[in-house]
Amino acid sequence: MADKELTFWDHLDELRRVLFRVLGVWFVFAVGYFIAMPWLFDNVVLAPCHNDFIFYDVLRYVGKTFNLNDEFFTQQFHVKLININLAAPFFVHMSTAFWMSVVTATPYIFFEIWRFISPALYPNERRGVKKALCIGTVMFFLGVLLGYFMVYPLTLRFLSTYELSASIENQISLNSYIDNFMMLVLCMGLAFELPLVTWLLSLLGLVHKSFLRKYRRHALVIIVIVAAIITPTGDPFTLTVVSIPLYLLYELSILMIKDKKTDTEDADEDKEE
């Protein structure tokens, strides 16, 4: 515990300083992203629109290596966005800078949360919370990267080339592109928090390893449904690309938590003591 007991007002004052530091860091990131947004749009946000995006190069390399002539591996792809709203570019500029700054500032936000609550924790609790925050940060960014480099490009390529009728020309608006981009990338980041959420629920006694093992098949069905919602493409490959990582995360959740002890096991331990 902390060496010095703080009053309620001392805690509020410390919380105020934490909020000011977090808002300050977020504001610096937001301003930086706002200034750099034209370059970021051309080289990061709109990169999946171009044929030379790294994931498309990987698909073509795989197709060439294994002599796969399917259009999925050989397709030349390019998307040109249009804007139909006068104020859309400005608001997209603002919102994209905001969300990028929030994502980038996440590690610092977790650090401030840790620094604020750690004095009130016991040593064993500090280790658990620190572990949770570190794992949560890493898993979130892994999910974001998977969403950006794989899930969103596959979704974009499928939906932008899907043809309901030959007389209908697909023209993708800027707002539609950004909404789907942010949703898929952030959803994948949040989905990768599954092991952490499961671990925290296990600490509260709400979830146990035996329960997760028992309902593996049910979990697989739910994961496929969630993957279908995240990537509404109808493409089996895209669905598989999203479902497999989510199921592996489910298995990782099982490995991370301890099983519930039975009354017999508790009694045996008491006898040994």
Protein backbone atom coordinates (compact mmCIF):
# COMPACT_ATOMS: atom_id res chain seq x y z
CA MET A 1 0.00 0.00 0.00
CA ALA A 2 1.05 3.60 -0.31
CA ASP A 3 3.27 4.99 2.46
CA LYS A 4 1.16 8.14 2.74
CA GLU A 5 -2.62 8.01 2.99
CA LEU A 6 -4.29 10.51 0.68
CA THR A 7 -7.59 12.20 1.40
CA PHE A 8 -10.53 12.15 -0.98
CA TRP A 9 -9.64 15.62 -2.23
CA ASP A 10 -6.02 14.60 -2.72
CA HIS A 11 -7.21 11.75 -4.93
CA LEU A 12 -9.39 14.12 -6.93
CA ASP A 13 -6.48 16.50 -7.35
CA GLU A 14 -4.24 13.68 -8.55
CA LEU A 15 -6.95 12.47 -10.92
CA ARG A 16 -7.22 15.99 -12.32
CA ARG A 17 -3.49 16.05 -13.03
CA VAL A 18 -3.72 12.63 -14.72
CA LEU A 19 -6.56 13.85 -16.95
CA PHE A 20 -4.62 16.97 -17.88
CA ARG A 21 -1.55 14.92 -18.82
CA VAL A 22 -3.63 12.46 -20.87
CA LEU A 23 -5.48 15.27 -22.66
CA GLY A 24 -2.18 17.05 -23.28
CA VAL A 25 -0.57 14.00 -24.88
CA TRP A 26 -3.71 13.29 -26.89
CA PHE A 27 -3.87 16.91 -28.08
CA VAL A 28 -0.23 16.82 -29.22
CA PHE A 29 -0.86 13.62 -31.18
CA ALA A 30 -4.09 15.01 -32.65
CA VAL A 31 -2.39 18.21 -33.84
CA GLY A 32 0.50 16.20 -35.27
CA TYR A 33 -1.83 13.86 -37.15
CA PHE A 34 -3.94 16.77 -38.38
CA ILE A 35 -0.84 18.43 -39.85
CA ALA A 36 0.45 15.18 -41.35
CA MET A 37 -2.98 13.95 -42.53
CA PRO A 38 -2.53 14.72 -46.27
CA TRP A 39 0.60 12.53 -46.33
CA LEU A 40 -0.99 9.87 -44.09
CA PHE A 41 -4.07 9.71 -46.32
CA ASP A 42 -2.03 9.16 -49.46
CA ASN A 43 0.42 6.67 -47.96
CA VAL A 44 -1.48 4.91 -45.16
CA VAL A 45 -5.26 5.35 -45.16
CA LEU A 46 -5.68 5.07 -48.94
CA ALA A 47 -2.89 2.54 -49.44
CA PRO A 48 -5.34 -0.43 -49.66
CA CYS A 49 -6.93 1.31 -52.67
CA HIS A 50 -3.82 0.79 -54.78
CA ASN A 51 -2.57 -2.29 -56.57
CA ASP A 52 0.91 -2.09 -55.01
CA PHE A 53 -0.38 -2.50 -51.43
CA ILE A 54 1.81 -5.02 -49.60
CA PHE A 55 -0.96 -7.57 -49.01
CA TYR A 56 -1.92 -7.63 -52.68
CA ASP A 57 1.75 -8.18 -53.54
CA VAL A 58 1.78 -11.13 -51.13
CA LEU A 59 -1.30 -12.64 -52.79
CA ARG A 60 0.25 -12.31 -56.25
CA TYR A 61 3.49 -13.83 -54.96
CA VAL A 62 1.60 -16.81 -53.50
CA GLY A 63 -0.32 -17.25 -56.76
CA LYS A 64 2.86 -17.14 -58.81
CA THR A 65 4.73 -19.51 -56.50
CA PHE A 66 2.02 -22.17 -56.49
CA ASN A 67 0.80 -21.56 -60.06
CA LEU A 68 -2.62 -20.35 -58.89
CA ASN A 69 -4.43 -18.66 -61.75
CA ASP A 70 -7.58 -17.73 -59.87
CA GLU A 71 -8.51 -14.04 -60.08
CA PHE A 72 -8.17 -13.80 -56.30
CA PHE A 73 -4.38 -14.13 -56.67
CA THR A 74 -3.92 -12.36 -59.99
CA GLN A 75 -6.37 -9.47 -59.82
CA GLN A 76 -5.08 -6.00 -60.63
CA PHE A 77 -6.88 -3.74 -58.20
CA HIS A 78 -7.46 -0.01 -57.91
CA VAL A 79 -10.20 2.05 -56.25
CA LYS A 80 -10.87 5.72 -56.84
CA LEU A 81 -12.94 7.49 -54.20
CA ILE A 82 -15.43 10.25 -54.83
CA ASN A 83 -16.78 12.96 -52.55
CA ILE A 84 -20.46 13.97 -52.68
CA ASN A 85 -20.57 16.06 -49.52
CA LEU A 86 -19.10 19.55 -49.49
CA ALA A 87 -17.94 19.40 -45.85
CA ALA A 88 -16.91 15.73 -45.85
CA PRO A 89 -13.15 16.19 -46.49
CA PHE A 90 -12.80 18.57 -43.53
CA PHE A 91 -14.78 16.41 -41.10
CA VAL A 92 -13.01 13.25 -42.27
CA HIS A 93 -9.71 15.06 -41.76
CA MET A 94 -10.72 15.94 -38.19
CA SER A 95 -12.22 12.56 -37.25
CA THR A 96 -9.35 10.53 -38.69
CA ALA A 97 -6.79 12.63 -36.81
CA PHE A 98 -8.85 12.18 -33.65
CA TRP A 99 -9.10 8.38 -33.88
CA MET A 100 -5.46 7.96 -34.87
CA SER A 101 -4.39 10.06 -31.89
CA VAL A 102 -6.59 8.02 -29.54
CA VAL A 103 -5.14 4.73 -30.81
CA THR A 104 -1.55 6.00 -30.64
CA ALA A 105 -2.01 7.45 -27.16
CA THR A 106 -3.46 4.19 -25.80
CA PRO A 107 -0.16 2.95 -24.27
CA TYR A 108 0.34 6.26 -22.47
CA ILE A 109 -3.28 6.25 -21.25
CA PHE A 110 -2.76 2.74 -19.82
CA PHE A 111 0.48 3.91 -18.20
CA GLU A 112 -1.32 6.81 -16.49
CA ILE A 113 -4.09 4.48 -15.32
CA TRP A 114 -1.44 2.16 -13.91
CA ARG A 115 0.41 4.99 -12.18
CA PHE A 116 -2.82 6.29 -10.64
CA ILE A 117 -4.14 3.01 -9.23
CA SER A 118 -0.87 1.21 -8.39
CA PRO A 119 -0.32 2.91 -4.97
CA ALA A 120 -3.64 1.47 -3.78
CA LEU A 121 -2.77 -2.11 -4.77
CA TYR A 122 -0.96 -4.89 -2.99
CA PRO A 123 2.21 -6.27 -4.64
CA ASN A 124 0.42 -9.32 -6.09
CA GLU A 125 -2.38 -7.12 -7.39
CA ARG A 126 0.13 -4.76 -8.98
CA ARG A 127 1.71 -7.63 -10.90
CA GLY A 128 -1.68 -8.78 -12.17
CA VAL A 129 -2.84 -5.32 -13.26
CA LYS A 130 0.50 -4.51 -14.88
CA LYS A 131 0.41 -7.78 -16.78
CA ALA A 132 -3.17 -7.12 -17.92
CA LEU A 133 -2.37 -3.61 -19.18
CA CYS A 134 0.74 -4.77 -21.07
CA ILE A 135 -1.02 -7.73 -22.66
CA GLY A 136 -4.04 -5.61 -23.51
CA THR A 137 -1.92 -2.98 -25.25
CA VAL A 138 0.06 -5.51 -27.29
CA MET A 139 -3.01 -7.50 -28.31
CA PHE A 140 -4.92 -4.37 -29.31
CA PHE A 141 -2.16 -3.23 -31.67
CA LEU A 142 -1.80 -6.74 -33.11
CA GLY A 143 -5.51 -6.70 -33.91
CA VAL A 144 -5.25 -3.24 -35.47
CA LEU A 145 -2.34 -4.36 -37.67
CA LEU A 146 -4.18 -7.51 -38.79
CA GLY A 147 -7.26 -5.43 -39.57
CA TYR A 148 -5.27 -2.90 -41.58
CA PHE A 149 -2.97 -5.23 -43.52
CA MET A 150 -5.32 -8.14 -44.15
CA VAL A 151 -8.98 -7.90 -43.12
CA TYR A 152 -9.81 -4.47 -44.53
CA PRO A 153 -7.96 -4.94 -47.86
CA LEU A 154 -9.82 -8.21 -48.44
CA THR A 155 -13.14 -6.61 -47.55
CA LEU A 156 -12.49 -3.55 -49.71
CA ARG A 157 -11.42 -5.60 -52.70
CA PHE A 158 -14.45 -7.86 -52.52
CA LEU A 159 -17.09 -5.19 -51.92
CA SER A 160 -15.69 -2.67 -54.40
CA THR A 161 -15.61 -5.26 -57.21
CA TYR A 162 -18.93 -6.93 -56.34
CA GLU A 163 -21.32 -6.47 -59.24
CA LEU A 164 -25.07 -6.67 -58.79
CA SER A 165 -25.72 -5.64 -62.38
CA ALA A 166 -23.49 -4.73 -65.29
CA SER A 167 -25.40 -1.47 -65.68
CA ILE A 168 -24.52 -0.36 -62.13
CA GLU A 169 -21.12 1.29 -61.71
CA ASN A 170 -19.57 1.11 -58.26
CA GLN A 171 -18.48 4.53 -57.01
CA ILE A 172 -17.25 4.56 -53.43
CA SER A 173 -17.73 7.73 -51.44
CA LEU A 174 -15.10 9.09 -49.06
CA ASN A 175 -17.43 8.78 -46.04
CA SER A 176 -18.26 5.17 -46.84
CA TYR A 177 -14.60 4.27 -47.20
CA ILE A 178 -13.55 5.91 -43.92
CA ASP A 179 -16.50 4.51 -41.95
CA ASN A 180 -15.70 0.94 -43.02
CA PHE A 181 -11.96 1.47 -42.58
CA MET A 182 -12.29 2.70 -39.00
CA MET A 183 -14.92 0.12 -38.07
CA LEU A 184 -13.00 -2.91 -39.30
CA VAL A 185 -9.58 -1.85 -38.01
CA LEU A 186 -10.87 -0.84 -34.57
CA CYS A 187 -13.15 -3.89 -34.32
CA MET A 188 -10.19 -6.18 -34.96
CA GLY A 189 -8.21 -4.33 -32.29
CA LEU A 190 -11.04 -4.77 -29.79
CA ALA A 191 -11.56 -8.40 -30.80
CA PHE A 192 -7.96 -9.14 -29.86
CA GLU A 193 -8.79 -8.10 -26.29
CA LEU A 194 -10.73 -11.38 -25.89
CA PRO A 195 -7.97 -13.20 -23.92
CA LEU A 196 -7.60 -10.24 -21.55
CA VAL A 197 -11.35 -9.94 -20.98
CA THR A 198 -11.61 -13.68 -20.37
CA TRP A 199 -8.69 -13.56 -17.93
CA LEU A 200 -10.27 -10.71 -15.98
CA LEU A 201 -13.60 -12.54 -15.87
CA SER A 202 -11.80 -15.60 -14.52
CA LEU A 203 -10.32 -13.50 -11.71
CA LEU A 204 -13.87 -12.47 -10.79
CA GLY A 205 -14.93 -16.13 -10.79
CA LEU A 206 -17.34 -15.68 -13.70
CA VAL A 207 -15.47 -17.83 -16.25
CA HIS A 208 -13.43 -20.99 -15.77
CA LYS A 209 -11.21 -23.10 -18.00
CA SER A 210 -13.52 -26.13 -17.85
CA PHE A 211 -16.43 -23.95 -18.99
CA LEU A 212 -14.49 -22.66 -22.01
CA ARG A 213 -13.36 -26.18 -22.93
CA LYS A 214 -16.91 -27.53 -22.65
CA TYR A 215 -18.38 -24.93 -25.00
CA ARG A 216 -15.66 -24.90 -27.67
CA ARG A 217 -18.08 -25.86 -30.44
CA HIS A 218 -20.59 -23.22 -29.40
CA ALA A 219 -17.80 -20.65 -29.27
CA LEU A 220 -16.71 -21.58 -32.79
CA VAL A 221 -20.21 -20.94 -34.13
CA ILE A 222 -20.39 -17.59 -32.33
CA ILE A 223 -16.93 -16.64 -33.63
CA VAL A 224 -17.97 -17.38 -37.22
CA ILE A 225 -21.11 -15.27 -36.75
CA VAL A 226 -19.07 -12.39 -35.29
CA ALA A 227 -16.55 -12.68 -38.12
CA ALA A 228 -19.41 -12.55 -40.64
CA ILE A 229 -20.68 -9.35 -39.01
CA ILE A 230 -17.22 -7.75 -38.96
CA THR A 231 -16.56 -8.70 -42.58
CA PRO A 232 -19.93 -8.74 -44.37
CA THR A 233 -18.41 -9.92 -47.66
CA GLY A 234 -19.81 -13.43 -48.00
CA ASP A 235 -16.35 -14.48 -49.15
CA PRO A 236 -15.34 -17.79 -47.47
CA PHE A 237 -11.64 -16.87 -47.61
CA THR A 238 -12.16 -13.54 -45.83
CA LEU A 239 -14.42 -15.22 -43.28
CA THR A 240 -11.73 -17.81 -42.63
CA VAL A 241 -8.99 -15.17 -42.35
CA VAL A 242 -10.96 -13.44 -39.58
CA SER A 243 -12.35 -16.55 -37.87
CA ILE A 244 -9.05 -18.40 -37.43
CA PRO A 245 -7.29 -15.63 -35.43
CA LEU A 246 -10.41 -15.16 -33.29
CA TYR A 247 -10.58 -18.90 -32.55
CA LEU A 248 -6.86 -18.96 -31.73
CA LEU A 249 -7.53 -16.11 -29.33
CA TYR A 250 -10.23 -18.22 -27.73
CA GLU A 251 -7.75 -21.06 -27.26
CA LEU A 252 -5.21 -18.57 -25.87
CA SER A 253 -7.86 -17.49 -23.37
CA ILE A 254 -8.13 -21.08 -22.16
CA LEU A 255 -4.36 -21.27 -21.67
CA MET A 256 -4.21 -17.97 -19.79
CA ILE A 257 -6.69 -18.76 -17.03
CA LYS A 258 -6.64 -21.26 -14.20
CA ASP A 259 -9.29 -23.88 -13.74
CA LYS A 260 -11.81 -23.67 -10.93
CA LYS A 261 -10.83 -25.70 -7.91
CA THR A 262 -13.35 -28.17 -6.62
CA ASP A 263 -14.29 -28.47 -2.97
CA THR A 264 -12.50 -31.82 -2.81
CA GLU A 265 -9.27 -30.29 -4.12
CA ASP A 266 -9.52 -27.44 -1.60
CA ALA A 267 -10.04 -29.93 1.22
CA ASP A 268 -7.04 -31.98 0.10
CA GLU A 269 -4.87 -28.85 0.08
CA ASP A 270 -6.03 -27.95 3.60
CA LYS A 271 -5.08 -31.44 4.83
CA GLU A 272 -1.61 -31.16 3.27
CA GLU A 273 -1.06 -27.84 5.05
